[in-house]
Amino acid sequence: MSLHDDAVLVLKDYEDQAELRQLYLDHLNRHPDGMWKACEAGHLTASALVIDPERGQVLLTLHKKLGMWLQMGGHCEPGDATLAAAALREATEESGIEGLALLQGGPVALDRHPIPAPCHWHLDVQYAALAPGGSVEAISDESLDLRWFDYAQVPDVADESVVRLVERTRAALERASL
């Protein structure tokens, strides 16, 4: 199965954000190259919020190009078999933490945001990655800084999309523990 086909299945199974989900599906239907950075109409990306529920913290990266605190994530690569694998790869590379595990149940959110030309949109599929106990992070070349934040601190440092992702991740964690 291609990464494009996996993305379609993941999105069809995603039961929230119906309008945005349909926009992603329509994009993939119109653009066979819609998974790749070369697609000038925009492309899907995969990200993961690294979370340590025991400490009540999330790990954010100070993005080198954007100068913003964000979750780990980025472009899909030809070696990625699935969107989930792309999100986990990105989270591992950017956090330096081995042994991350994606929260079961698929993505926790979708977020569409503009980017500079030649591409115009990132259609981000967002997962949650659970950090193993005693995790030690390591800054990657893509980051200016990497820092753990208590849930309550996130609105003070990150934009609304990250705040929503933290809220949706915490809700997914709560559902998973029931």
C-alpha atoms as a PDB file:
ATOM      1  CA  MET A   1       0.000   0.000   0.000  1.00  0.00           C
ATOM      2  CA  SER A   2       1.325   3.454  -0.869  1.00  0.00           C
ATOM      3  CA  LEU A   3       1.687   6.269   1.653  1.00  0.00           C
ATOM      4  CA  HIS A   4      -1.036   8.116  -0.284  1.00  0.00           C
ATOM      5  CA  ASP A   5      -3.403   5.143   0.130  1.00  0.00           C
ATOM      6  CA  ASP A   6      -2.564   4.893   3.837  1.00  0.00           C
ATOM      7  CA  ALA A   7      -3.338   8.583   4.298  1.00  0.00           C
ATOM      8  CA  VAL A   8      -6.728   8.174   2.626  1.00  0.00           C
ATOM      9  CA  LEU A   9      -7.581   5.234   4.923  1.00  0.00           C
ATOM     10  CA  VAL A  10      -6.385   7.094   8.031  1.00  0.00           C
ATOM     11  CA  LEU A  11      -8.482  10.114   7.134  1.00  0.00           C
ATOM     12  CA  LYS A  12     -11.560   8.036   6.320  1.00  0.00           C
ATOM     13  CA  ASP A  13     -11.265   6.413   9.769  1.00  0.00           C
ATOM     14  CA  TYR A  14     -10.753   9.752  11.539  1.00  0.00           C
ATOM     15  CA  GLU A  15     -14.139  10.659  13.003  1.00  0.00           C
ATOM     16  CA  ASP A  16     -13.617  14.274  14.004  1.00  0.00           C
ATOM     17  CA  GLN A  17     -13.189  17.652  12.279  1.00  0.00           C
ATOM     18  CA  ALA A  18     -15.450  16.551   9.415  1.00  0.00           C
ATOM     19  CA  GLU A  19     -15.048  19.630   7.210  1.00  0.00           C
ATOM     20  CA  LEU A  20     -11.263  19.715   7.491  1.00  0.00           C
ATOM     21  CA  ARG A  21     -11.051  15.939   7.077  1.00  0.00           C
ATOM     22  CA  GLN A  22     -13.017  16.211   3.818  1.00  0.00           C
ATOM     23  CA  LEU A  23     -10.745  19.014   2.608  1.00  0.00           C
ATOM     24  CA  TYR A  24      -7.748  16.690   3.141  1.00  0.00           C
ATOM     25  CA  LEU A  25      -9.485  13.833   1.306  1.00  0.00           C
ATOM     26  CA  ASP A  26     -10.445  16.120  -1.581  1.00  0.00           C
ATOM     27  CA  HIS A  27      -6.855  17.351  -1.779  1.00  0.00           C
ATOM     28  CA  LEU A  28      -5.524  13.797  -2.011  1.00  0.00           C
ATOM     29  CA  ASN A  29      -8.150  12.921  -4.615  1.00  0.00           C
ATOM     30  CA  ARG A  30      -7.102  15.882  -6.794  1.00  0.00           C
ATOM     31  CA  HIS A  31      -3.345  15.552  -6.204  1.00  0.00           C
ATOM     32  CA  PRO A  32      -1.682  12.136  -6.534  1.00  0.00           C
ATOM     33  CA  ASP A  33       1.500  13.909  -5.343  1.00  0.00           C
ATOM     34  CA  GLY A  34      -0.315  15.485  -2.372  1.00  0.00           C
ATOM     35  CA  MET A  35       1.879  13.671   0.148  1.00  0.00           C
ATOM     36  CA  TRP A  36       5.081  15.308  -1.029  1.00  0.00           C
ATOM     37  CA  LYS A  37       6.731  18.672  -0.532  1.00  0.00           C
ATOM     38  CA  ALA A  38       6.907  19.119  -4.321  1.00  0.00           C
ATOM     39  CA  CYS A  39       3.107  19.456  -4.562  1.00  0.00           C
ATOM     40  CA  GLU A  40       2.679  23.207  -5.007  1.00  0.00           C
ATOM     41  CA  ALA A  41      -1.025  23.121  -4.086  1.00  0.00           C
ATOM     42  CA  GLY A  42       0.040  21.976  -0.607  1.00  0.00           C
ATOM     43  CA  HIS A  43       0.896  18.661   0.949  1.00  0.00           C
ATOM     44  CA  LEU A  44       0.212  16.474   3.944  1.00  0.00           C
ATOM     45  CA  THR A  45       2.664  16.542   6.822  1.00  0.00           C
ATOM     46  CA  ALA A  46       2.859  14.343   9.900  1.00  0.00           C
ATOM     47  CA  SER A  47       3.531  15.534  13.424  1.00  0.00           C
ATOM     48  CA  ALA A  48       3.415  14.255  16.973  1.00  0.00           C
ATOM     49  CA  LEU A  49       3.073  15.986  20.303  1.00  0.00           C
ATOM     50  CA  VAL A  50       5.571  14.329  22.652  1.00  0.00           C
ATOM     51  CA  ILE A  51       3.868  14.008  26.011  1.00  0.00           C
ATOM     52  CA  ASP A  52       4.761  12.696  29.457  1.00  0.00           C
ATOM     53  CA  PRO A  53       1.382  12.222  31.166  1.00  0.00           C
ATOM     54  CA  GLU A  54       2.993  11.179  34.469  1.00  0.00           C
ATOM     55  CA  ARG A  55       4.742  14.549  34.766  1.00  0.00           C
ATOM     56  CA  GLY A  56       1.915  16.494  33.099  1.00  0.00           C
ATOM     57  CA  GLN A  57       4.274  17.898  30.479  1.00  0.00           C
ATOM     58  CA  VAL A  58       4.759  18.182  26.741  1.00  0.00           C
ATOM     59  CA  LEU A  59       8.025  18.551  24.854  1.00  0.00           C
ATOM     60  CA  LEU A  60       8.083  21.406  22.349  1.00  0.00           C
ATOM     61  CA  THR A  61      10.730  22.454  19.870  1.00  0.00           C
ATOM     62  CA  LEU A  62      11.668  26.052  19.124  1.00  0.00           C
ATOM     63  CA  HIS A  63      11.547  25.757  15.341  1.00  0.00           C
ATOM     64  CA  LYS A  64      14.676  27.121  13.689  1.00  0.00           C
ATOM     65  CA  LYS A  65      12.986  28.680  10.637  1.00  0.00           C
ATOM     66  CA  LEU A  66       9.748  29.847  12.270  1.00  0.00           C
ATOM     67  CA  GLY A  67      11.022  30.875  15.710  1.00  0.00           C
ATOM     68  CA  MET A  68       7.914  29.336  17.307  1.00  0.00           C
ATOM     69  CA  TRP A  69       7.376  26.620  19.931  1.00  0.00           C
ATOM     70  CA  LEU A  70       5.780  23.690  18.092  1.00  0.00           C
ATOM     71  CA  GLN A  71       5.225  19.953  18.288  1.00  0.00           C
ATOM     72  CA  MET A  72       7.691  17.718  16.440  1.00  0.00           C
ATOM     73  CA  GLY A  73       6.835  17.079  12.821  1.00  0.00           C
ATOM     74  CA  GLY A  74       7.496  17.613   9.186  1.00  0.00           C
ATOM     75  CA  HIS A  75       7.389  16.286   5.672  1.00  0.00           C
ATOM     76  CA  CYS A  76       6.707  12.720   4.709  1.00  0.00           C
ATOM     77  CA  GLU A  77       9.619  10.867   3.123  1.00  0.00           C
ATOM     78  CA  PRO A  78       9.657   8.073   0.542  1.00  0.00           C
ATOM     79  CA  GLY A  79      10.728   5.545   3.200  1.00  0.00           C
ATOM     80  CA  ASP A  80       7.663   6.239   5.366  1.00  0.00           C
ATOM     81  CA  ALA A  81       5.236   3.325   5.032  1.00  0.00           C
ATOM     82  CA  THR A  82       2.420   5.113   6.894  1.00  0.00           C
ATOM     83  CA  LEU A  83       1.459   8.532   8.211  1.00  0.00           C
ATOM     84  CA  ALA A  84       1.886   7.174  11.729  1.00  0.00           C
ATOM     85  CA  ALA A  85       5.405   6.006  10.879  1.00  0.00           C
ATOM     86  CA  ALA A  86       6.228   9.459   9.474  1.00  0.00           C
ATOM     87  CA  ALA A  87       4.958  11.158  12.640  1.00  0.00           C
ATOM     88  CA  LEU A  88       6.919   8.777  14.870  1.00  0.00           C
ATOM     89  CA  ARG A  89      10.074   9.214  12.779  1.00  0.00           C
ATOM     90  CA  GLU A  90       9.803  12.996  12.960  1.00  0.00           C
ATOM     91  CA  ALA A  91       9.137  12.947  16.711  1.00  0.00           C
ATOM     92  CA  THR A  92      12.109  10.655  17.337  1.00  0.00           C
ATOM     93  CA  GLU A  93      14.479  12.637  15.094  1.00  0.00           C
ATOM     94  CA  GLU A  94      13.501  16.031  16.483  1.00  0.00           C
ATOM     95  CA  SER A  95      13.268  15.049  20.155  1.00  0.00           C
ATOM     96  CA  GLY A  96      16.227  12.699  20.299  1.00  0.00           C
ATOM     97  CA  ILE A  97      14.111  10.367  22.461  1.00  0.00           C
ATOM     98  CA  GLU A  98      14.258   6.671  21.649  1.00  0.00           C
ATOM     99  CA  GLY A  99      11.308   4.464  22.527  1.00  0.00           C
ATOM    100  CA  LEU A 100       8.492   6.908  21.820  1.00  0.00           C
ATOM    101  CA  ALA A 101       5.142   5.176  21.287  1.00  0.00           C
ATOM    102  CA  LEU A 102       2.200   6.670  19.440  1.00  0.00           C
ATOM    103  CA  LEU A 103      -1.042   6.818  21.369  1.00  0.00           C
ATOM    104  CA  GLN A 104      -3.323   4.121  19.954  1.00  0.00           C
ATOM    105  CA  GLY A 105      -6.384   5.140  17.969  1.00  0.00           C
ATOM    106  CA  GLY A 106      -4.845   7.183  15.184  1.00  0.00           C
ATOM    107  CA  PRO A 107      -4.431  10.938  14.845  1.00  0.00           C
ATOM    108  CA  VAL A 108      -5.666  13.251  17.588  1.00  0.00           C
ATOM    109  CA  ALA A 109      -6.112  16.301  15.345  1.00  0.00           C
ATOM    110  CA  LEU A 110      -5.806  17.873  11.921  1.00  0.00           C
ATOM    111  CA  ASP A 111      -4.392  21.352  11.357  1.00  0.00           C
ATOM    112  CA  ARG A 112      -4.189  23.236   8.053  1.00  0.00           C
ATOM    113  CA  HIS A 113      -1.857  26.220   7.974  1.00  0.00           C
ATOM    114  CA  PRO A 114      -0.391  28.437   5.254  1.00  0.00           C
ATOM    115  CA  ILE A 115       3.275  28.254   4.311  1.00  0.00           C
ATOM    116  CA  PRO A 116       5.365  30.391   1.962  1.00  0.00           C
ATOM    117  CA  ALA A 117       5.394  29.743  -1.795  1.00  0.00           C
ATOM    118  CA  PRO A 118       6.010  27.730  -3.863  1.00  0.00           C
ATOM    119  CA  CYS A 119       3.854  25.434  -1.739  1.00  0.00           C
ATOM    120  CA  HIS A 120       0.920  27.114  -0.101  1.00  0.00           C
ATOM    121  CA  TRP A 121      -0.458  24.792   2.576  1.00  0.00           C
ATOM    122  CA  HIS A 122       0.584  22.218   5.117  1.00  0.00           C
ATOM    123  CA  LEU A 123      -2.219  19.790   5.845  1.00  0.00           C
ATOM    124  CA  ASP A 124      -0.881  18.391   9.096  1.00  0.00           C
ATOM    125  CA  VAL A 125      -2.028  15.063  10.517  1.00  0.00           C
ATOM    126  CA  GLN A 126      -1.246  15.214  14.233  1.00  0.00           C
ATOM    127  CA  TYR A 127      -0.546  12.296  16.555  1.00  0.00           C
ATOM    128  CA  ALA A 128       0.444  12.000  20.218  1.00  0.00           C
ATOM    129  CA  ALA A 129       3.715  10.290  21.159  1.00  0.00           C
ATOM    130  CA  LEU A 130       4.136   8.979  24.690  1.00  0.00           C
ATOM    131  CA  ALA A 131       7.600   9.487  26.146  1.00  0.00           C
ATOM    132  CA  PRO A 132       9.030   6.601  28.162  1.00  0.00           C
ATOM    133  CA  GLY A 133       9.863   7.278  31.807  1.00  0.00           C
ATOM    134  CA  GLY A 134      13.195   8.996  32.345  1.00  0.00           C
ATOM    135  CA  SER A 135      13.393  10.241  28.757  1.00  0.00           C
ATOM    136  CA  VAL A 136      16.248  12.545  27.930  1.00  0.00           C
ATOM    137  CA  GLU A 137      15.772  14.834  24.953  1.00  0.00           C
ATOM    138  CA  ALA A 138      18.470  16.011  22.517  1.00  0.00           C
ATOM    139  CA  ILE A 139      18.223  19.056  20.271  1.00  0.00           C
ATOM    140  CA  SER A 140      18.278  18.342  16.530  1.00  0.00           C
ATOM    141  CA  ASP A 141      19.640  20.522  13.730  1.00  0.00           C
ATOM    142  CA  GLU A 142      16.069  21.712  13.070  1.00  0.00           C
ATOM    143  CA  SER A 143      15.631  23.262  16.515  1.00  0.00           C
ATOM    144  CA  LEU A 144      16.905  26.302  18.326  1.00  0.00           C
ATOM    145  CA  ASP A 145      15.783  24.806  21.641  1.00  0.00           C
ATOM    146  CA  LEU A 146      13.863  21.876  23.062  1.00  0.00           C
ATOM    147  CA  ARG A 147      11.991  22.164  26.347  1.00  0.00           C
ATOM    148  CA  TRP A 148       9.413  20.407  28.521  1.00  0.00           C
ATOM    149  CA  PHE A 149       6.413  22.551  29.462  1.00  0.00           C
ATOM    150  CA  ASP A 150       3.689  21.890  32.012  1.00  0.00           C
ATOM    151  CA  TYR A 151       0.270  21.745  30.352  1.00  0.00           C
ATOM    152  CA  ALA A 152      -0.681  25.098  31.930  1.00  0.00           C
ATOM    153  CA  GLN A 153       2.419  26.800  30.465  1.00  0.00           C
ATOM    154  CA  VAL A 154       1.667  25.968  26.837  1.00  0.00           C
ATOM    155  CA  PRO A 155      -0.737  28.910  26.179  1.00  0.00           C
ATOM    156  CA  ASP A 156       2.024  31.281  27.346  1.00  0.00           C
ATOM    157  CA  VAL A 157       4.602  30.036  24.837  1.00  0.00           C
ATOM    158  CA  ALA A 158       2.807  28.490  21.858  1.00  0.00           C
ATOM    159  CA  ASP A 159       0.163  29.526  19.368  1.00  0.00           C
ATOM    160  CA  GLU A 160      -3.473  28.432  19.377  1.00  0.00           C
ATOM    161  CA  SER A 161      -2.866  25.408  17.137  1.00  0.00           C
ATOM    162  CA  VAL A 162      -0.459  23.896  19.685  1.00  0.00           C
ATOM    163  CA  VAL A 163      -2.810  24.730  22.564  1.00  0.00           C
ATOM    164  CA  ARG A 164      -5.622  22.902  20.728  1.00  0.00           C
ATOM    165  CA  LEU A 165      -3.333  19.948  20.065  1.00  0.00           C
ATOM    166  CA  VAL A 166      -2.451  19.686  23.757  1.00  0.00           C
ATOM    167  CA  GLU A 167      -6.148  19.825  24.699  1.00  0.00           C
ATOM    168  CA  ARG A 168      -7.108  17.197  22.132  1.00  0.00           C
ATOM    169  CA  THR A 169      -4.187  14.976  23.187  1.00  0.00           C
ATOM    170  CA  ARG A 170      -5.168  15.185  26.843  1.00  0.00           C
ATOM    171  CA  ALA A 171      -8.767  14.304  25.936  1.00  0.00           C
ATOM    172  CA  ALA A 172      -7.539  11.315  23.880  1.00  0.00           C
ATOM    173  CA  LEU A 173      -5.393  10.163  26.816  1.00  0.00           C
ATOM    174  CA  GLU A 174      -8.393  10.401  29.110  1.00  0.00           C
ATOM    175  CA  ARG A 175     -10.540   8.345  26.714  1.00  0.00           C
ATOM    176  CA  ALA A 176      -7.768   5.754  26.389  1.00  0.00           C
ATOM    177  CA  SER A 177      -7.555   5.302  30.155  1.00  0.00           C
ATOM    178  CA  LEU A 178     -11.296   4.583  30.550  1.00  0.00           C
END
